[in-house]
Amino acid sequence: MKNNSAPLNPWAFVAIVCSVGMCPFFTIAGVLLGIRAIVDIKARPGTRGIRLAWAAIFIGSLVTGLWGGGMLWWNINVRDQMQQGPVRAVIEGQNDSLIFLKHFMVQDKDEASMFLNELALRYGIAESGKQVESIQIEDAELAFFMMPLEANLNYEFTFSNAPSVKAEAKFILFKKNDNSRQFTNRFAWFCFYDERLGNLVYPADTVIMKEENSN
């Protein structure tokens, strides 16, 4: 039985501090330092902190798992939506406008069908697309202290009759409702820029301000 007057093993103290850290690097370090503390305490009987070391291992493992699960969910549900949402909306929506609509806040099947039909008339079949950059929004409110509540994202599409068509979409992560925020994870509008034929926008009544248009 350890003497309560024995000095606390420094590895155990550092381990428990790291285990409740605000990023996975610290929580993983907490687990490793907790193991190091157990080894050190066994090698140095004059120190205490074995329970603290085990607590650091448990807490660090739990918090690391939560961080890992959260990041996996974020990549699958949010990051993928930002990068590929409009691409899937156009490519898969060519056969089913309902697939197109699931990526947008405005749910108008007739207007979506008109938008997709006009795309096909102008450029042919959509073959591929990718996100090329995002537009930084000054003084934007942040979710989780790192992600804007909304952002303008740029894309480049390849159609059967047009090798490169530029597009822009406004992504809404959280919609502000009075004093609350509603998780949205959809797009407010989608615009294909075309100087010759005119811009093609969904929904059609969207007014795109010049400061939002980076093209």
C-alpha atoms as a PDB file:
ATOM      1  CA  MET A   1       0.000   0.000   0.000  1.00  0.00           C
ATOM      2  CA  LYS A   2       1.364   3.366  -1.021  1.00  0.00           C
ATOM      3  CA  ASN A   3       2.189   5.986   1.565  1.00  0.00           C
ATOM      4  CA  ASN A   4       0.033   9.078   1.013  1.00  0.00           C
ATOM      5  CA  SER A   5       2.966  11.223   2.058  1.00  0.00           C
ATOM      6  CA  ALA A   6       5.094   9.830  -0.785  1.00  0.00           C
ATOM      7  CA  PRO A   7       5.703  12.244  -3.645  1.00  0.00           C
ATOM      8  CA  LEU A   8       3.327  12.069  -6.615  1.00  0.00           C
ATOM      9  CA  ASN A   9       4.936  10.581  -9.673  1.00  0.00           C
ATOM     10  CA  PRO A  10       5.348  13.439 -12.204  1.00  0.00           C
ATOM     11  CA  TRP A  11       4.464  11.165 -15.126  1.00  0.00           C
ATOM     12  CA  ALA A  12       1.088  10.405 -13.543  1.00  0.00           C
ATOM     13  CA  PHE A  13       0.359  14.108 -13.043  1.00  0.00           C
ATOM     14  CA  VAL A  14       1.274  15.035 -16.614  1.00  0.00           C
ATOM     15  CA  ALA A  15      -0.723  12.052 -17.923  1.00  0.00           C
ATOM     16  CA  ILE A  16      -3.977  13.062 -16.214  1.00  0.00           C
ATOM     17  CA  VAL A  17      -3.603  16.668 -17.415  1.00  0.00           C
ATOM     18  CA  CYS A  18      -3.071  15.545 -21.015  1.00  0.00           C
ATOM     19  CA  SER A  19      -5.900  13.009 -20.917  1.00  0.00           C
ATOM     20  CA  VAL A  20      -8.534  15.736 -20.656  1.00  0.00           C
ATOM     21  CA  GLY A  21      -6.906  17.858 -23.361  1.00  0.00           C
ATOM     22  CA  MET A  22      -8.862  19.700 -26.025  1.00  0.00           C
ATOM     23  CA  CYS A  23      -7.342  17.863 -28.970  1.00  0.00           C
ATOM     24  CA  PRO A  24      -6.588  14.199 -29.769  1.00  0.00           C
ATOM     25  CA  PHE A  25      -2.834  14.776 -29.703  1.00  0.00           C
ATOM     26  CA  PHE A  26      -3.044  15.537 -25.991  1.00  0.00           C
ATOM     27  CA  THR A  27      -5.453  12.711 -25.174  1.00  0.00           C
ATOM     28  CA  ILE A  28      -3.292  10.147 -26.985  1.00  0.00           C
ATOM     29  CA  ALA A  29      -0.285  11.552 -25.119  1.00  0.00           C
ATOM     30  CA  GLY A  30      -2.260  11.119 -21.888  1.00  0.00           C
ATOM     31  CA  VAL A  31      -2.670   7.397 -22.576  1.00  0.00           C
ATOM     32  CA  LEU A  32       1.009   6.927 -23.414  1.00  0.00           C
ATOM     33  CA  LEU A  33       2.152   8.975 -20.433  1.00  0.00           C
ATOM     34  CA  GLY A  34      -0.194   7.013 -18.185  1.00  0.00           C
ATOM     35  CA  ILE A  35       1.514   3.793 -19.284  1.00  0.00           C
ATOM     36  CA  ARG A  36       4.886   5.448 -18.748  1.00  0.00           C
ATOM     37  CA  ALA A  37       3.769   6.492 -15.254  1.00  0.00           C
ATOM     38  CA  ILE A  38       2.786   2.922 -14.297  1.00  0.00           C
ATOM     39  CA  VAL A  39       6.159   1.616 -15.422  1.00  0.00           C
ATOM     40  CA  ASP A  40       7.973   4.382 -13.560  1.00  0.00           C
ATOM     41  CA  ILE A  41       5.971   3.920 -10.349  1.00  0.00           C
ATOM     42  CA  LYS A  42       6.737   0.186 -10.331  1.00  0.00           C
ATOM     43  CA  ALA A  43      10.399   0.954 -10.872  1.00  0.00           C
ATOM     44  CA  ARG A  44      10.400   3.619  -8.143  1.00  0.00           C
ATOM     45  CA  PRO A  45       8.453   2.347  -5.112  1.00  0.00           C
ATOM     46  CA  GLY A  46       8.932   5.657  -3.334  1.00  0.00           C
ATOM     47  CA  THR A  47       6.395   7.463  -5.544  1.00  0.00           C
ATOM     48  CA  ARG A  48       2.616   7.231  -5.780  1.00  0.00           C
ATOM     49  CA  GLY A  49      -0.009   7.844  -8.453  1.00  0.00           C
ATOM     50  CA  ILE A  50      -0.851   4.397  -9.857  1.00  0.00           C
ATOM     51  CA  ARG A  51      -4.601   5.094  -9.730  1.00  0.00           C
ATOM     52  CA  LEU A  52      -4.098   8.490 -11.328  1.00  0.00           C
ATOM     53  CA  ALA A  53      -2.113   6.846 -14.118  1.00  0.00           C
ATOM     54  CA  TRP A  54      -4.843   4.274 -14.763  1.00  0.00           C
ATOM     55  CA  ALA A  55      -7.448   7.058 -14.705  1.00  0.00           C
ATOM     56  CA  ALA A  56      -5.394   8.946 -17.303  1.00  0.00           C
ATOM     57  CA  ILE A  57      -5.301   5.866 -19.518  1.00  0.00           C
ATOM     58  CA  PHE A  58      -9.063   5.354 -19.217  1.00  0.00           C
ATOM     59  CA  ILE A  59     -10.019   9.014 -19.724  1.00  0.00           C
ATOM     60  CA  GLY A  60      -7.497   9.495 -22.525  1.00  0.00           C
ATOM     61  CA  SER A  61      -8.769   6.413 -24.354  1.00  0.00           C
ATOM     62  CA  LEU A  62     -12.400   7.495 -23.949  1.00  0.00           C
ATOM     63  CA  VAL A  63     -11.832  11.077 -25.096  1.00  0.00           C
ATOM     64  CA  THR A  64      -9.622   9.925 -27.984  1.00  0.00           C
ATOM     65  CA  GLY A  65     -12.413   7.592 -29.102  1.00  0.00           C
ATOM     66  CA  LEU A  66     -14.918  10.450 -28.956  1.00  0.00           C
ATOM     67  CA  TRP A  67     -12.597  12.682 -30.958  1.00  0.00           C
ATOM     68  CA  GLY A  68     -12.010   9.941 -33.520  1.00  0.00           C
ATOM     69  CA  GLY A  69     -15.714   9.201 -33.864  1.00  0.00           C
ATOM     70  CA  GLY A  70     -16.507  12.893 -34.154  1.00  0.00           C
ATOM     71  CA  MET A  71     -13.909  13.455 -36.867  1.00  0.00           C
ATOM     72  CA  LEU A  72     -15.096  10.390 -38.771  1.00  0.00           C
ATOM     73  CA  TRP A  73     -18.696  11.629 -38.617  1.00  0.00           C
ATOM     74  CA  TRP A  74     -17.584  15.107 -39.709  1.00  0.00           C
ATOM     75  CA  ASN A  75     -15.662  13.765 -42.719  1.00  0.00           C
ATOM     76  CA  ILE A  76     -18.519  11.505 -43.826  1.00  0.00           C
ATOM     77  CA  ASN A  77     -21.391  13.906 -43.283  1.00  0.00           C
ATOM     78  CA  VAL A  78     -20.075  17.470 -43.523  1.00  0.00           C
ATOM     79  CA  ARG A  79     -16.727  17.573 -45.306  1.00  0.00           C
ATOM     80  CA  ASP A  80     -17.915  15.154 -47.977  1.00  0.00           C
ATOM     81  CA  GLN A  81     -21.100  17.186 -48.451  1.00  0.00           C
ATOM     82  CA  MET A  82     -19.089  20.362 -48.945  1.00  0.00           C
ATOM     83  CA  GLN A  83     -16.715  18.763 -51.444  1.00  0.00           C
ATOM     84  CA  GLN A  84     -19.040  16.468 -53.355  1.00  0.00           C
ATOM     85  CA  GLY A  85     -22.628  17.555 -52.593  1.00  0.00           C
ATOM     86  CA  PRO A  86     -23.182  19.760 -55.676  1.00  0.00           C
ATOM     87  CA  VAL A  87     -21.261  17.290 -57.854  1.00  0.00           C
ATOM     88  CA  ARG A  88     -23.519  14.413 -56.839  1.00  0.00           C
ATOM     89  CA  ALA A  89     -26.550  16.692 -57.075  1.00  0.00           C
ATOM     90  CA  VAL A  90     -25.867  17.374 -60.753  1.00  0.00           C
ATOM     91  CA  ILE A  91     -24.499  14.008 -61.897  1.00  0.00           C
ATOM     92  CA  GLU A  92     -26.987  11.792 -60.045  1.00  0.00           C
ATOM     93  CA  GLY A  93     -29.778  14.340 -60.367  1.00  0.00           C
ATOM     94  CA  GLN A  94     -29.721  13.987 -64.146  1.00  0.00           C
ATOM     95  CA  ASN A  95     -31.727  10.801 -63.672  1.00  0.00           C
ATOM     96  CA  ASP A  96     -33.687  11.792 -60.583  1.00  0.00           C
ATOM     97  CA  SER A  97     -34.327  15.390 -59.535  1.00  0.00           C
ATOM     98  CA  LEU A  98     -35.144  14.216 -55.993  1.00  0.00           C
ATOM     99  CA  ILE A  99     -31.473  13.314 -55.555  1.00  0.00           C
ATOM    100  CA  PHE A 100     -30.620  16.863 -56.584  1.00  0.00           C
ATOM    101  CA  LEU A 101     -33.067  18.337 -54.073  1.00  0.00           C
ATOM    102  CA  LYS A 102     -31.726  16.440 -51.056  1.00  0.00           C
ATOM    103  CA  HIS A 103     -28.607  18.615 -51.166  1.00  0.00           C
ATOM    104  CA  PHE A 104     -30.507  21.927 -51.096  1.00  0.00           C
ATOM    105  CA  MET A 105     -32.583  23.898 -48.639  1.00  0.00           C
ATOM    106  CA  VAL A 106     -35.145  24.959 -51.279  1.00  0.00           C
ATOM    107  CA  GLN A 107     -37.319  21.967 -52.211  1.00  0.00           C
ATOM    108  CA  ASP A 108     -38.944  22.704 -55.578  1.00  0.00           C
ATOM    109  CA  LYS A 109     -39.038  19.637 -57.825  1.00  0.00           C
ATOM    110  CA  ASP A 110     -40.353  21.439 -60.905  1.00  0.00           C
ATOM    111  CA  GLU A 111     -37.749  24.176 -60.698  1.00  0.00           C
ATOM    112  CA  ALA A 112     -35.004  21.630 -60.053  1.00  0.00           C
ATOM    113  CA  SER A 113     -36.062  19.684 -63.156  1.00  0.00           C
ATOM    114  CA  MET A 114     -35.999  22.870 -65.234  1.00  0.00           C
ATOM    115  CA  PHE A 115     -32.543  23.735 -63.898  1.00  0.00           C
ATOM    116  CA  LEU A 116     -31.146  20.266 -64.704  1.00  0.00           C
ATOM    117  CA  ASN A 117     -32.785  20.204 -68.142  1.00  0.00           C
ATOM    118  CA  GLU A 118     -31.289  23.579 -69.002  1.00  0.00           C
ATOM    119  CA  LEU A 119     -27.866  22.334 -67.894  1.00  0.00           C
ATOM    120  CA  ALA A 120     -28.200  19.361 -70.227  1.00  0.00           C
ATOM    121  CA  LEU A 121     -29.330  21.566 -73.137  1.00  0.00           C
ATOM    122  CA  ARG A 122     -26.406  23.916 -72.676  1.00  0.00           C
ATOM    123  CA  TYR A 123     -23.547  21.567 -71.859  1.00  0.00           C
ATOM    124  CA  GLY A 124     -24.683  17.974 -72.396  1.00  0.00           C
ATOM    125  CA  ILE A 125     -24.257  15.179 -69.846  1.00  0.00           C
ATOM    126  CA  ALA A 126     -22.412  15.974 -66.619  1.00  0.00           C
ATOM    127  CA  GLU A 127     -19.433  13.634 -66.357  1.00  0.00           C
ATOM    128  CA  SER A 128     -17.404  14.836 -63.386  1.00  0.00           C
ATOM    129  CA  GLY A 129     -16.841  17.694 -61.012  1.00  0.00           C
ATOM    130  CA  LYS A 130     -14.692  18.836 -58.115  1.00  0.00           C
ATOM    131  CA  GLN A 131     -14.421  21.551 -55.518  1.00  0.00           C
ATOM    132  CA  VAL A 132     -11.622  23.906 -56.477  1.00  0.00           C
ATOM    133  CA  GLU A 133     -11.589  26.457 -53.663  1.00  0.00           C
ATOM    134  CA  SER A 134     -13.635  28.161 -51.015  1.00  0.00           C
ATOM    135  CA  ILE A 135     -14.350  31.845 -50.583  1.00  0.00           C
ATOM    136  CA  GLN A 136     -13.216  33.294 -47.290  1.00  0.00           C
ATOM    137  CA  ILE A 137     -15.959  35.236 -45.521  1.00  0.00           C
ATOM    138  CA  GLU A 138     -14.749  38.107 -43.375  1.00  0.00           C
ATOM    139  CA  ASP A 139     -16.155  38.438 -39.855  1.00  0.00           C
ATOM    140  CA  ALA A 140     -18.008  35.143 -40.262  1.00  0.00           C
ATOM    141  CA  GLU A 141     -19.556  33.503 -37.211  1.00  0.00           C
ATOM    142  CA  LEU A 142     -17.842  30.247 -36.425  1.00  0.00           C
ATOM    143  CA  ALA A 143     -19.213  26.900 -35.277  1.00  0.00           C
ATOM    144  CA  PHE A 144     -16.968  24.960 -32.880  1.00  0.00           C
ATOM    145  CA  PHE A 145     -14.570  27.949 -33.052  1.00  0.00           C
ATOM    146  CA  MET A 146     -13.230  26.847 -36.447  1.00  0.00           C
ATOM    147  CA  MET A 147     -15.949  26.399 -39.084  1.00  0.00           C
ATOM    148  CA  PRO A 148     -18.008  29.255 -40.591  1.00  0.00           C
ATOM    149  CA  LEU A 149     -21.763  28.867 -40.271  1.00  0.00           C
ATOM    150  CA  GLU A 150     -21.909  29.448 -44.017  1.00  0.00           C
ATOM    151  CA  ALA A 151     -19.424  29.636 -46.879  1.00  0.00           C
ATOM    152  CA  ASN A 152     -19.286  30.128 -50.620  1.00  0.00           C
ATOM    153  CA  LEU A 153     -17.638  27.200 -52.403  1.00  0.00           C
ATOM    154  CA  ASN A 154     -16.356  27.046 -55.985  1.00  0.00           C
ATOM    155  CA  TYR A 155     -16.551  24.019 -58.278  1.00  0.00           C
ATOM    156  CA  GLU A 156     -15.470  23.015 -61.761  1.00  0.00           C
ATOM    157  CA  PHE A 157     -17.556  20.625 -63.860  1.00  0.00           C
ATOM    158  CA  THR A 158     -16.863  18.623 -66.991  1.00  0.00           C
ATOM    159  CA  PHE A 159     -19.797  18.029 -69.355  1.00  0.00           C
ATOM    160  CA  SER A 160     -19.915  16.008 -72.545  1.00  0.00           C
ATOM    161  CA  ASN A 161     -20.121  19.223 -74.599  1.00  0.00           C
ATOM    162  CA  ALA A 162     -18.131  21.513 -72.289  1.00  0.00           C
ATOM    163  CA  PRO A 163     -14.792  20.524 -70.732  1.00  0.00           C
ATOM    164  CA  SER A 164     -14.761  23.188 -68.028  1.00  0.00           C
ATOM    165  CA  VAL A 165     -17.758  24.986 -66.520  1.00  0.00           C
ATOM    166  CA  LYS A 166     -17.345  27.085 -63.369  1.00  0.00           C
ATOM    167  CA  ALA A 167     -19.933  26.990 -60.619  1.00  0.00           C
ATOM    168  CA  GLU A 168     -20.442  28.374 -57.147  1.00  0.00           C
ATOM    169  CA  ALA A 169     -22.671  27.285 -54.273  1.00  0.00           C
ATOM    170  CA  LYS A 170     -23.477  28.735 -50.864  1.00  0.00           C
ATOM    171  CA  PHE A 171     -23.099  26.110 -48.155  1.00  0.00           C
ATOM    172  CA  ILE A 172     -25.079  26.493 -44.923  1.00  0.00           C
ATOM    173  CA  LEU A 173     -23.736  24.479 -42.000  1.00  0.00           C
ATOM    174  CA  PHE A 174     -26.010  25.998 -39.363  1.00  0.00           C
ATOM    175  CA  LYS A 175     -29.086  28.094 -40.113  1.00  0.00           C
ATOM    176  CA  LYS A 176     -29.665  30.875 -37.641  1.00  0.00           C
ATOM    177  CA  ASN A 177     -33.203  30.963 -36.192  1.00  0.00           C
ATOM    178  CA  ASP A 178     -33.598  33.920 -33.841  1.00  0.00           C
ATOM    179  CA  ASN A 179     -31.320  33.014 -30.932  1.00  0.00           C
ATOM    180  CA  SER A 180     -30.771  29.389 -31.924  1.00  0.00           C
ATOM    181  CA  ARG A 181     -28.863  27.545 -34.622  1.00  0.00           C
ATOM    182  CA  GLN A 182     -30.278  24.648 -36.600  1.00  0.00           C
ATOM    183  CA  PHE A 183     -27.896  22.103 -38.119  1.00  0.00           C
ATOM    184  CA  THR A 184     -28.583  22.284 -41.864  1.00  0.00           C
ATOM    185  CA  ASN A 185     -25.620  20.892 -43.845  1.00  0.00           C
ATOM    186  CA  ARG A 186     -27.183  21.848 -47.193  1.00  0.00           C
ATOM    187  CA  PHE A 187     -26.782  24.432 -49.916  1.00  0.00           C
ATOM    188  CA  ALA A 188     -28.829  27.620 -50.177  1.00  0.00           C
ATOM    189  CA  TRP A 189     -28.171  28.218 -53.870  1.00  0.00           C
ATOM    190  CA  PHE A 190     -26.173  26.940 -56.820  1.00  0.00           C
ATOM    191  CA  CYS A 191     -24.930  29.001 -59.771  1.00  0.00           C
ATOM    192  CA  PHE A 192     -23.263  28.041 -63.053  1.00  0.00           C
ATOM    193  CA  TYR A 193     -21.450  31.047 -64.482  1.00  0.00           C
ATOM    194  CA  ASP A 194     -21.772  31.607 -68.207  1.00  0.00           C
ATOM    195  CA  GLU A 195     -20.873  34.943 -69.811  1.00  0.00           C
ATOM    196  CA  ARG A 196     -22.257  33.900 -73.206  1.00  0.00           C
ATOM    197  CA  LEU A 197     -25.609  32.345 -72.287  1.00  0.00           C
ATOM    198  CA  GLY A 198     -26.096  33.949 -68.897  1.00  0.00           C
ATOM    199  CA  ASN A 199     -25.745  32.540 -65.409  1.00  0.00           C
ATOM    200  CA  LEU A 200     -27.904  29.549 -64.514  1.00  0.00           C
ATOM    201  CA  VAL A 201     -29.074  29.628 -60.901  1.00  0.00           C
ATOM    202  CA  TYR A 202     -31.060  27.374 -58.582  1.00  0.00           C
ATOM    203  CA  PRO A 203     -33.345  28.572 -57.112  1.00  0.00           C
ATOM    204  CA  ALA A 204     -34.025  30.947 -59.995  1.00  0.00           C
ATOM    205  CA  ASP A 205     -34.982  33.916 -57.809  1.00  0.00           C
ATOM    206  CA  THR A 206     -31.615  33.935 -56.031  1.00  0.00           C
ATOM    207  CA  VAL A 207     -29.810  37.264 -56.187  1.00  0.00           C
ATOM    208  CA  ILE A 208     -26.053  36.732 -56.082  1.00  0.00           C
ATOM    209  CA  MET A 209     -24.291  39.791 -54.759  1.00  0.00           C
ATOM    210  CA  LYS A 210     -21.123  40.967 -56.452  1.00  0.00           C
ATOM    211  CA  GLU A 211     -19.041  40.534 -53.316  1.00  0.00           C
ATOM    212  CA  GLU A 212     -20.104  36.871 -53.160  1.00  0.00           C
ATOM    213  CA  ASN A 213     -19.157  36.283 -56.785  1.00  0.00           C
ATOM    214  CA  SER A 214     -15.434  35.611 -57.055  1.00  0.00           C
ATOM    215  CA  ASN A 215     -15.527  34.893 -60.774  1.00  0.00           C
END
